[in-house]
Amino acid sequence: MNIKFMERAIDLATRGSGYTNPNPLVGAVIVKNNKVIGEGYHKYYGGSHAEINAFNNSTEQVEGATMYVTLEPCSHYGKTPPCVKAIVDKGIRKVVIGMEDPNPVVAGRGIKFLKENDIEVVSEVMVDEVKKLNEIFIKYITTRKPFCILKTAMTLDGKIATITGDSKWITNKNSRKYVHEIRHRVSGIMVGIGTVLKDDPMLTTRFIQTEARNPIRIIVDSKCRIPLDSKVLNINSNSKTIVATTKQADNKKIEKIKERGAEVLVVPMKDRRVDLNSLIGTLGEKGIDSVLIEGGSTLSSSAINEDIVDKYMSFIAPKIIGGKNAKTPVAGKGCSVMKDAIILKDLNIKRFGDDLMIEGYIRKDDYKCLPD
């Protein structure tokens, strides 16, 4: 076994980012006599799996070769036939697997099938890297709820806008380009009505390759205050807009929003606002496996308070604007004592020019809600 071939499989898998949702990212490499003779990845939802693409791209006979694959090969009929049967039929001698498939439909059955057909199997290879690669899929397939990323941007002194509300732009172009790459990878992007009223954003994917996918736009608007001429209701896009509201909304306004092609979800209330947990459950039922939360300090605090956030990404620009009344990334009442602060784990730091980005995961084991 050579770890570099699994590293190559992981690298191949990332090429499917944004196109395979809600399927996982998977890469496969076929090795014979310590030489790569075939490789492939899962390119898009409904398309051939990584293993099949690797077979199709092989430069010589694969019989007796070793396959490196990031995720346990499927053993069931879905949109495509089971990959384990193709592996057996092609005469692969050994399969090296990054991690077992968390999908209950698969969950070890693929490995069992391979072993029953006298194929050597080595699993849990670079498992931490593969889990990180497929954090969205793992959360969604095991809970049927989307993986939620909360993204904020602030100055060095912790402000998201000046005292007049001006916020364009806190971060530089490189940081903003990276955010658009994240938009491309996720299924949905969520903002509050305050962001729509203030900025009238398009919430599309820009600054990257022309084939980039736009996420579904999700507007949290408990009273349907969204203007009918908002860009998100009048944009020519390959994805739809969802307005999440409550019974407080006017029915006539709801119908007018629908006339513009948007979907309206009337969800339960909590404290006279949209119940975010209920909304997240509904989005999961609709096949939305991931959501980027980008909208304002009020929505940020509510998302944290309702425990729907899995990952937090904070962009920090080397700017100081001051102002005791200038807004901060997370609103609400805040913690009374430091010991109640929410702690992130598994931190990662990236640099985009002079900007810094710190990301980490919410520690669910000792989670405490922020006072609201």
Protein backbone atom coordinates (compact mmCIF):
# COMPACT_ATOMS: atom_id res chain seq x y z
CA MET A 1 0.00 0.00 0.00
CA ASN A 2 1.28 3.45 -0.94
CA ILE A 3 -0.32 6.45 0.76
CA LYS A 4 0.38 8.72 -2.20
CA PHE A 5 -2.27 6.93 -4.24
CA MET A 6 -4.93 7.66 -1.60
CA GLU A 7 -3.78 11.27 -1.56
CA ARG A 8 -4.31 11.34 -5.31
CA ALA A 9 -7.80 9.83 -4.91
CA ILE A 10 -8.70 12.55 -2.39
CA ASP A 11 -7.41 15.23 -4.75
CA LEU A 12 -9.52 13.80 -7.59
CA ALA A 13 -12.61 13.69 -5.36
CA THR A 14 -12.46 17.44 -4.68
CA ARG A 15 -13.06 18.11 -8.39
CA GLY A 16 -16.68 17.10 -7.90
CA SER A 17 -17.30 19.81 -5.28
CA GLY A 18 -20.61 21.54 -5.88
CA TYR A 19 -21.82 19.05 -8.49
CA THR A 20 -22.46 15.81 -6.59
CA ASN A 21 -24.77 17.06 -3.79
CA PRO A 22 -26.38 15.29 -2.00
CA ASN A 23 -24.01 12.47 -3.01
CA PRO A 24 -20.51 12.24 -1.53
CA LEU A 25 -17.24 13.34 -3.07
CA VAL A 26 -15.38 10.23 -4.20
CA GLY A 27 -12.12 9.64 -6.05
CA ALA A 28 -10.61 6.36 -7.29
CA VAL A 29 -7.15 5.37 -8.52
CA ILE A 30 -6.22 2.00 -10.10
CA VAL A 31 -2.60 0.93 -9.59
CA LYS A 32 -0.71 -1.94 -11.25
CA ASN A 33 2.99 -2.67 -10.75
CA ASN A 34 3.18 0.54 -8.67
CA LYS A 35 1.97 2.58 -11.65
CA VAL A 36 -1.34 4.44 -12.04
CA ILE A 37 -3.25 2.91 -14.93
CA GLY A 38 -6.64 4.50 -14.32
CA GLU A 39 -8.28 7.20 -12.27
CA GLY A 40 -11.65 8.86 -11.95
CA TYR A 41 -13.99 10.76 -9.68
CA HIS A 42 -17.72 11.22 -9.16
CA LYS A 43 -18.38 14.18 -11.46
CA TYR A 44 -22.04 15.00 -10.88
CA TYR A 45 -25.17 13.74 -9.15
CA GLY A 46 -26.69 10.90 -11.15
CA GLY A 47 -23.50 10.31 -13.13
CA SER A 48 -21.15 7.35 -13.04
CA HIS A 49 -19.36 6.73 -9.76
CA ALA A 50 -15.62 7.25 -9.31
CA GLU A 51 -14.81 3.54 -9.63
CA ILE A 52 -16.60 3.23 -12.98
CA ASN A 53 -14.93 6.36 -14.33
CA ALA A 54 -11.56 4.97 -13.25
CA PHE A 55 -12.28 1.75 -15.17
CA ASN A 56 -13.37 3.72 -18.23
CA ASN A 57 -10.17 5.79 -18.13
CA SER A 58 -7.82 2.82 -17.69
CA THR A 59 -4.88 2.61 -20.08
CA GLU A 60 -4.44 -1.17 -19.76
CA GLN A 61 -6.13 -4.28 -18.37
CA VAL A 62 -7.03 -3.82 -14.70
CA GLU A 63 -7.13 -7.50 -13.77
CA GLY A 64 -4.90 -8.13 -10.75
CA ALA A 65 -4.59 -4.39 -9.96
CA THR A 66 -5.20 -2.50 -6.72
CA MET A 67 -7.91 0.15 -6.45
CA TYR A 68 -7.61 3.08 -4.05
CA VAL A 69 -10.99 4.68 -3.36
CA THR A 70 -11.88 7.35 -0.82
CA LEU A 71 -15.24 5.85 0.16
CA GLU A 72 -16.51 2.28 0.49
CA PRO A 73 -17.83 1.18 -2.93
CA CYS A 74 -21.62 1.02 -3.12
CA SER A 75 -23.37 -2.35 -2.99
CA HIS A 76 -26.90 -1.29 -3.88
CA TYR A 77 -28.80 -0.19 -6.96
CA GLY A 78 -29.48 3.53 -6.89
CA LYS A 79 -29.21 5.86 -9.87
CA THR A 80 -26.35 3.61 -11.03
CA PRO A 81 -25.55 -0.13 -10.61
CA PRO A 82 -23.47 -1.26 -7.59
CA CYS A 83 -19.75 -0.59 -7.97
CA VAL A 84 -18.70 -3.66 -5.98
CA LYS A 85 -19.99 -5.95 -8.71
CA ALA A 86 -17.96 -4.10 -11.35
CA ILE A 87 -14.86 -4.35 -9.15
CA VAL A 88 -15.30 -8.12 -8.85
CA ASP A 89 -16.11 -8.57 -12.55
CA LYS A 90 -13.03 -6.57 -13.60
CA GLY A 91 -10.73 -8.81 -11.56
CA ILE A 92 -9.40 -6.20 -9.10
CA ARG A 93 -7.16 -8.00 -6.58
CA LYS A 94 -7.10 -5.50 -3.71
CA VAL A 95 -9.17 -2.48 -2.65
CA VAL A 96 -7.82 0.22 -0.32
CA ILE A 97 -10.66 2.28 1.19
CA GLY A 98 -10.49 5.66 2.88
CA MET A 99 -13.56 5.22 5.08
CA GLU A 100 -16.65 3.08 5.44
CA ASP A 101 -19.76 4.60 3.90
CA PRO A 102 -21.94 6.15 6.66
CA ASN A 103 -25.02 5.60 4.51
CA PRO A 104 -27.12 2.97 6.35
CA VAL A 105 -28.00 1.43 2.98
CA VAL A 106 -24.31 0.63 2.43
CA ALA A 107 -22.62 0.64 5.89
CA GLY A 108 -20.11 -2.18 5.47
CA ARG A 109 -22.06 -4.21 2.93
CA GLY A 110 -19.73 -3.20 0.13
CA ILE A 111 -16.67 -4.30 2.09
CA LYS A 112 -18.39 -7.56 3.02
CA PHE A 113 -19.25 -8.27 -0.63
CA LEU A 114 -15.67 -7.69 -1.74
CA LYS A 115 -14.25 -9.98 0.94
CA GLU A 116 -16.79 -12.70 0.12
CA ASN A 117 -15.45 -12.59 -3.44
CA ASP A 118 -11.85 -13.08 -2.31
CA ILE A 119 -10.75 -9.49 -2.77
CA GLU A 120 -8.30 -8.17 -0.18
CA VAL A 121 -9.65 -5.07 1.56
CA VAL A 122 -7.76 -2.47 3.58
CA SER A 123 -9.94 0.26 5.13
CA GLU A 124 -9.64 3.35 7.31
CA VAL A 125 -6.75 4.80 5.29
CA MET A 126 -6.39 8.59 5.73
CA VAL A 127 -9.81 8.40 7.34
CA ASP A 128 -9.62 11.84 9.00
CA GLU A 129 -8.88 13.52 5.68
CA VAL A 130 -11.72 11.67 3.97
CA LYS A 131 -14.17 12.56 6.74
CA LYS A 132 -13.23 16.22 6.35
CA LEU A 133 -13.70 15.90 2.58
CA ASN A 134 -17.22 14.55 3.07
CA GLU A 135 -18.36 16.39 6.21
CA ILE A 136 -21.46 17.59 4.38
CA PHE A 137 -22.43 14.11 3.20
CA ILE A 138 -21.78 12.50 6.58
CA LYS A 139 -24.02 14.97 8.44
CA TYR A 140 -26.81 14.79 5.87
CA ILE A 141 -26.89 11.02 5.32
CA THR A 142 -26.96 10.28 9.06
CA THR A 143 -29.39 12.99 10.21
CA ARG A 144 -31.22 14.11 7.06
CA LYS A 145 -30.44 17.66 8.11
CA PRO A 146 -28.14 19.99 6.17
CA PHE A 147 -24.58 20.74 7.26
CA CYS A 148 -24.64 24.42 8.24
CA ILE A 149 -21.70 26.79 7.84
CA LEU A 150 -21.92 30.18 9.52
CA LYS A 151 -19.73 32.74 7.76
CA THR A 152 -18.96 36.18 9.14
CA ALA A 153 -16.55 38.95 8.14
CA MET A 154 -15.27 41.65 10.47
CA THR A 155 -12.60 44.23 11.01
CA LEU A 156 -9.72 43.71 13.41
CA ASP A 157 -11.72 45.49 16.09
CA GLY A 158 -14.70 43.20 15.59
CA LYS A 159 -17.07 45.33 13.48
CA ILE A 160 -19.17 44.27 10.49
CA ALA A 161 -20.07 47.81 9.41
CA THR A 162 -19.37 51.43 10.27
CA ILE A 163 -21.70 53.46 12.49
CA THR A 164 -23.55 54.55 9.32
CA GLY A 165 -24.05 50.93 8.25
CA ASP A 166 -21.51 50.98 5.41
CA SER A 167 -20.00 47.50 4.97
CA LYS A 168 -18.62 47.33 1.41
CA TRP A 169 -16.11 45.97 1.53
CA ILE A 170 -14.67 44.69 4.80
CA THR A 171 -12.63 41.89 3.21
CA ASN A 172 -10.51 41.90 0.08
CA LYS A 173 -11.27 40.40 -3.33
CA ASN A 174 -9.39 37.17 -2.59
CA SER A 175 -11.48 36.52 0.50
CA ARG A 176 -14.68 37.26 -1.35
CA LYS A 177 -13.66 34.94 -4.18
CA TYR A 178 -13.15 32.13 -1.68
CA VAL A 179 -16.63 32.75 -0.22
CA HIS A 180 -18.07 32.37 -3.71
CA GLU A 181 -16.24 29.07 -4.03
CA ILE A 182 -17.99 27.96 -0.83
CA ARG A 183 -21.31 29.12 -2.30
CA HIS A 184 -20.61 26.86 -5.26
CA ARG A 185 -20.01 23.85 -2.98
CA VAL A 186 -23.16 24.13 -0.86
CA SER A 187 -26.79 23.53 -1.78
CA GLY A 188 -28.25 26.62 -0.15
CA ILE A 189 -27.37 30.10 1.06
CA MET A 190 -29.36 31.67 3.89
CA VAL A 191 -29.77 35.31 4.89
CA GLY A 192 -32.22 37.21 7.06
CA ILE A 193 -34.68 39.79 5.83
CA GLY A 194 -32.51 42.53 7.34
CA THR A 195 -29.74 41.74 4.86
CA VAL A 196 -32.18 41.82 1.94
CA LEU A 197 -33.63 45.18 3.03
CA LYS A 198 -30.18 46.72 3.56
CA ASP A 199 -28.10 45.28 0.72
CA ASP A 200 -30.54 43.78 -1.81
CA PRO A 201 -28.04 40.98 -2.62
CA MET A 202 -28.24 38.56 -5.55
CA LEU A 203 -26.84 35.63 -3.52
CA THR A 204 -25.34 34.01 -6.60
CA THR A 205 -21.94 32.45 -7.28
CA ARG A 206 -19.53 34.79 -9.04
CA PHE A 207 -15.79 35.39 -9.46
CA ILE A 208 -15.07 31.74 -10.29
CA GLN A 209 -15.43 29.38 -13.26
CA THR A 210 -18.38 30.02 -15.56
CA GLU A 211 -19.88 26.58 -14.90
CA ALA A 212 -20.24 27.38 -11.19
CA ARG A 213 -23.53 26.36 -9.59
CA ASN A 214 -25.74 28.85 -7.76
CA PRO A 215 -27.06 27.71 -4.38
CA ILE A 216 -30.74 27.85 -3.53
CA ARG A 217 -31.44 31.24 -1.97
CA ILE A 218 -33.18 31.01 1.42
CA ILE A 219 -34.59 34.20 2.94
CA VAL A 220 -35.65 34.05 6.60
CA ASP A 221 -38.51 36.54 6.77
CA SER A 222 -41.05 35.94 9.55
CA LYS A 223 -43.52 38.57 8.30
CA CYS A 224 -42.86 38.51 4.54
CA ARG A 225 -41.46 42.02 4.49
CA ILE A 226 -39.36 41.25 1.42
CA PRO A 227 -39.88 43.86 -1.34
CA LEU A 228 -41.34 42.40 -4.51
CA ASP A 229 -38.65 44.11 -6.56
CA SER A 230 -35.82 42.45 -4.60
CA LYS A 231 -33.10 40.96 -6.76
CA VAL A 232 -33.57 37.50 -5.22
CA LEU A 233 -37.18 37.51 -6.47
CA ASN A 234 -36.38 38.77 -9.95
CA ILE A 235 -33.11 37.14 -10.89
CA ASN A 236 -32.48 34.90 -13.89
CA SER A 237 -30.76 31.98 -12.19
CA ASN A 238 -30.37 28.20 -12.41
CA SER A 239 -31.58 27.89 -8.81
CA LYS A 240 -34.70 28.95 -6.98
CA THR A 241 -35.48 31.29 -4.10
CA ILE A 242 -37.20 30.09 -0.94
CA VAL A 243 -38.83 32.56 1.45
CA ALA A 244 -39.25 31.07 4.92
CA THR A 245 -41.98 32.83 6.82
CA THR A 246 -44.63 32.28 9.54
CA LYS A 247 -48.37 32.63 10.00
CA GLN A 248 -47.74 36.31 10.76
CA ALA A 249 -47.27 36.92 7.02
CA ASP A 250 -50.03 38.39 4.89
CA ASN A 251 -51.52 35.77 2.57
CA LYS A 252 -51.83 38.22 -0.33
CA LYS A 253 -48.11 39.03 -0.05
CA ILE A 254 -47.31 35.33 -0.03
CA GLU A 255 -49.24 34.85 -3.29
CA LYS A 256 -47.43 37.78 -4.92
CA ILE A 257 -44.08 36.28 -3.95
CA LYS A 258 -45.12 32.96 -5.46
CA GLU A 259 -46.11 34.73 -8.67
CA ARG A 260 -42.47 35.73 -9.05
CA GLY A 261 -41.45 32.07 -9.07
CA ALA A 262 -40.26 31.80 -5.49
CA GLU A 263 -41.29 29.07 -3.08
CA VAL A 264 -42.80 30.13 0.23
CA LEU A 265 -42.47 27.95 3.31
CA VAL A 266 -44.74 28.77 6.24
CA VAL A 267 -42.92 27.25 9.20
CA PRO A 268 -43.62 27.21 12.94
CA MET A 269 -42.61 30.16 15.10
CA LYS A 270 -40.32 30.41 18.08
CA ASP A 271 -40.36 33.69 19.99
CA ARG A 272 -42.35 35.18 17.07
CA ARG A 273 -39.55 34.38 14.64
CA VAL A 274 -39.01 31.58 12.16
CA ASP A 275 -38.16 28.41 14.09
CA LEU A 276 -34.77 27.70 12.55
CA ASN A 277 -34.68 24.08 13.70
CA SER A 278 -38.01 23.43 12.01
CA LEU A 279 -36.80 25.23 8.87
CA ILE A 280 -33.57 23.22 8.76
CA GLY A 281 -35.56 19.99 9.05
CA THR A 282 -37.79 21.02 6.16
CA LEU A 283 -34.82 21.97 3.99
CA GLY A 284 -33.30 18.55 4.64
CA GLU A 285 -36.53 16.89 3.53
CA LYS A 286 -36.21 18.84 0.27
CA GLY A 287 -32.77 17.35 -0.40
CA ILE A 288 -30.78 20.42 0.62
CA ASP A 289 -27.70 18.87 2.22
CA SER A 290 -25.78 22.04 3.12
CA VAL A 291 -26.44 25.68 3.91
CA LEU A 292 -24.11 28.67 4.06
CA ILE A 293 -25.49 31.21 6.55
CA GLU A 294 -24.33 34.67 5.53
CA GLY A 295 -26.94 37.03 6.84
CA GLY A 296 -26.26 39.60 9.52
CA SER A 297 -25.69 39.59 13.27
CA THR A 298 -29.30 38.79 14.21
CA LEU A 299 -29.52 35.66 12.07
CA SER A 300 -26.01 34.64 13.19
CA SER A 301 -26.95 34.79 16.86
CA SER A 302 -30.22 32.95 16.24
CA ALA A 303 -28.44 30.22 14.28
CA ILE A 304 -25.94 29.71 17.10
CA ASN A 305 -28.66 29.91 19.74
CA GLU A 306 -30.76 27.28 17.96
CA ASP A 307 -27.74 24.96 17.64
CA ILE A 308 -27.96 24.55 13.88
CA VAL A 309 -24.36 25.64 13.17
CA ASP A 310 -21.79 22.95 12.45
CA LYS A 311 -18.85 25.03 11.21
CA TYR A 312 -17.99 28.67 11.82
CA MET A 313 -15.87 30.66 9.33
CA SER A 314 -14.67 34.09 10.43
CA PHE A 315 -12.89 36.40 7.99
CA ILE A 316 -10.83 39.12 9.67
CA ALA A 317 -9.59 42.17 7.78
CA PRO A 318 -6.68 44.28 9.09
CA LYS A 319 -8.86 47.37 9.45
CA ILE A 320 -9.98 49.39 12.46
CA ILE A 321 -13.16 51.48 12.20
CA GLY A 322 -14.18 51.91 15.86
CA GLY A 323 -17.56 53.08 17.04
CA LYS A 324 -19.21 51.68 20.15
CA ASN A 325 -22.51 51.39 18.28
CA ALA A 326 -21.06 49.76 15.17
CA LYS A 327 -22.47 46.26 14.70
CA THR A 328 -20.59 43.09 15.56
CA PRO A 329 -20.85 39.69 13.81
CA VAL A 330 -23.07 38.02 16.44
CA ALA A 331 -25.86 39.95 18.15
CA GLY A 332 -28.19 38.93 20.99
CA LYS A 333 -27.57 39.57 24.69
CA GLY A 334 -24.32 37.61 24.77
CA CYS A 335 -22.73 35.62 27.58
CA SER A 336 -22.60 37.00 31.11
CA VAL A 337 -19.43 35.14 32.07
CA MET A 338 -16.49 33.87 30.01
CA LYS A 339 -17.01 30.25 31.03
CA ASP A 340 -20.26 30.24 29.05
CA ALA A 341 -18.54 31.18 25.79
CA ILE A 342 -19.06 28.78 22.89
CA ILE A 343 -15.76 27.09 22.04
CA LEU A 344 -14.62 25.98 18.59
CA LYS A 345 -12.48 22.91 17.93
CA ASP A 346 -10.28 21.61 15.10
CA LEU A 347 -9.27 25.11 14.06
CA ASN A 348 -7.86 25.93 10.64
CA ILE A 349 -6.33 29.26 9.62
CA LYS A 350 -5.95 30.48 6.04
CA ARG A 351 -4.64 33.70 4.60
CA PHE A 352 -6.08 35.60 1.66
CA GLY A 353 -3.69 38.44 0.99
CA ASP A 354 -3.77 40.51 4.18
CA ASP A 355 -7.04 38.95 5.37
CA LEU A 356 -7.17 36.02 7.76
CA MET A 357 -9.83 33.33 7.87
CA ILE A 358 -10.29 31.23 10.99
CA GLU A 359 -12.64 28.27 10.81
CA GLY A 360 -13.59 25.69 13.37
CA TYR A 361 -16.37 23.38 14.44
CA ILE A 362 -18.92 24.03 17.17
CA ARG A 363 -18.24 21.76 20.15
CA LYS A 364 -21.58 19.98 20.44
CA ASP A 365 -20.53 17.94 23.48
CA ASP A 366 -20.59 20.93 25.84
CA TYR A 367 -22.80 23.24 23.77
CA LYS A 368 -24.40 26.22 25.50
CA CYS A 369 -26.83 28.54 23.78
CA LEU A 370 -26.10 32.23 23.73
CA PRO A 371 -28.69 34.34 25.55
CA ASP A 372 -31.08 35.83 23.03
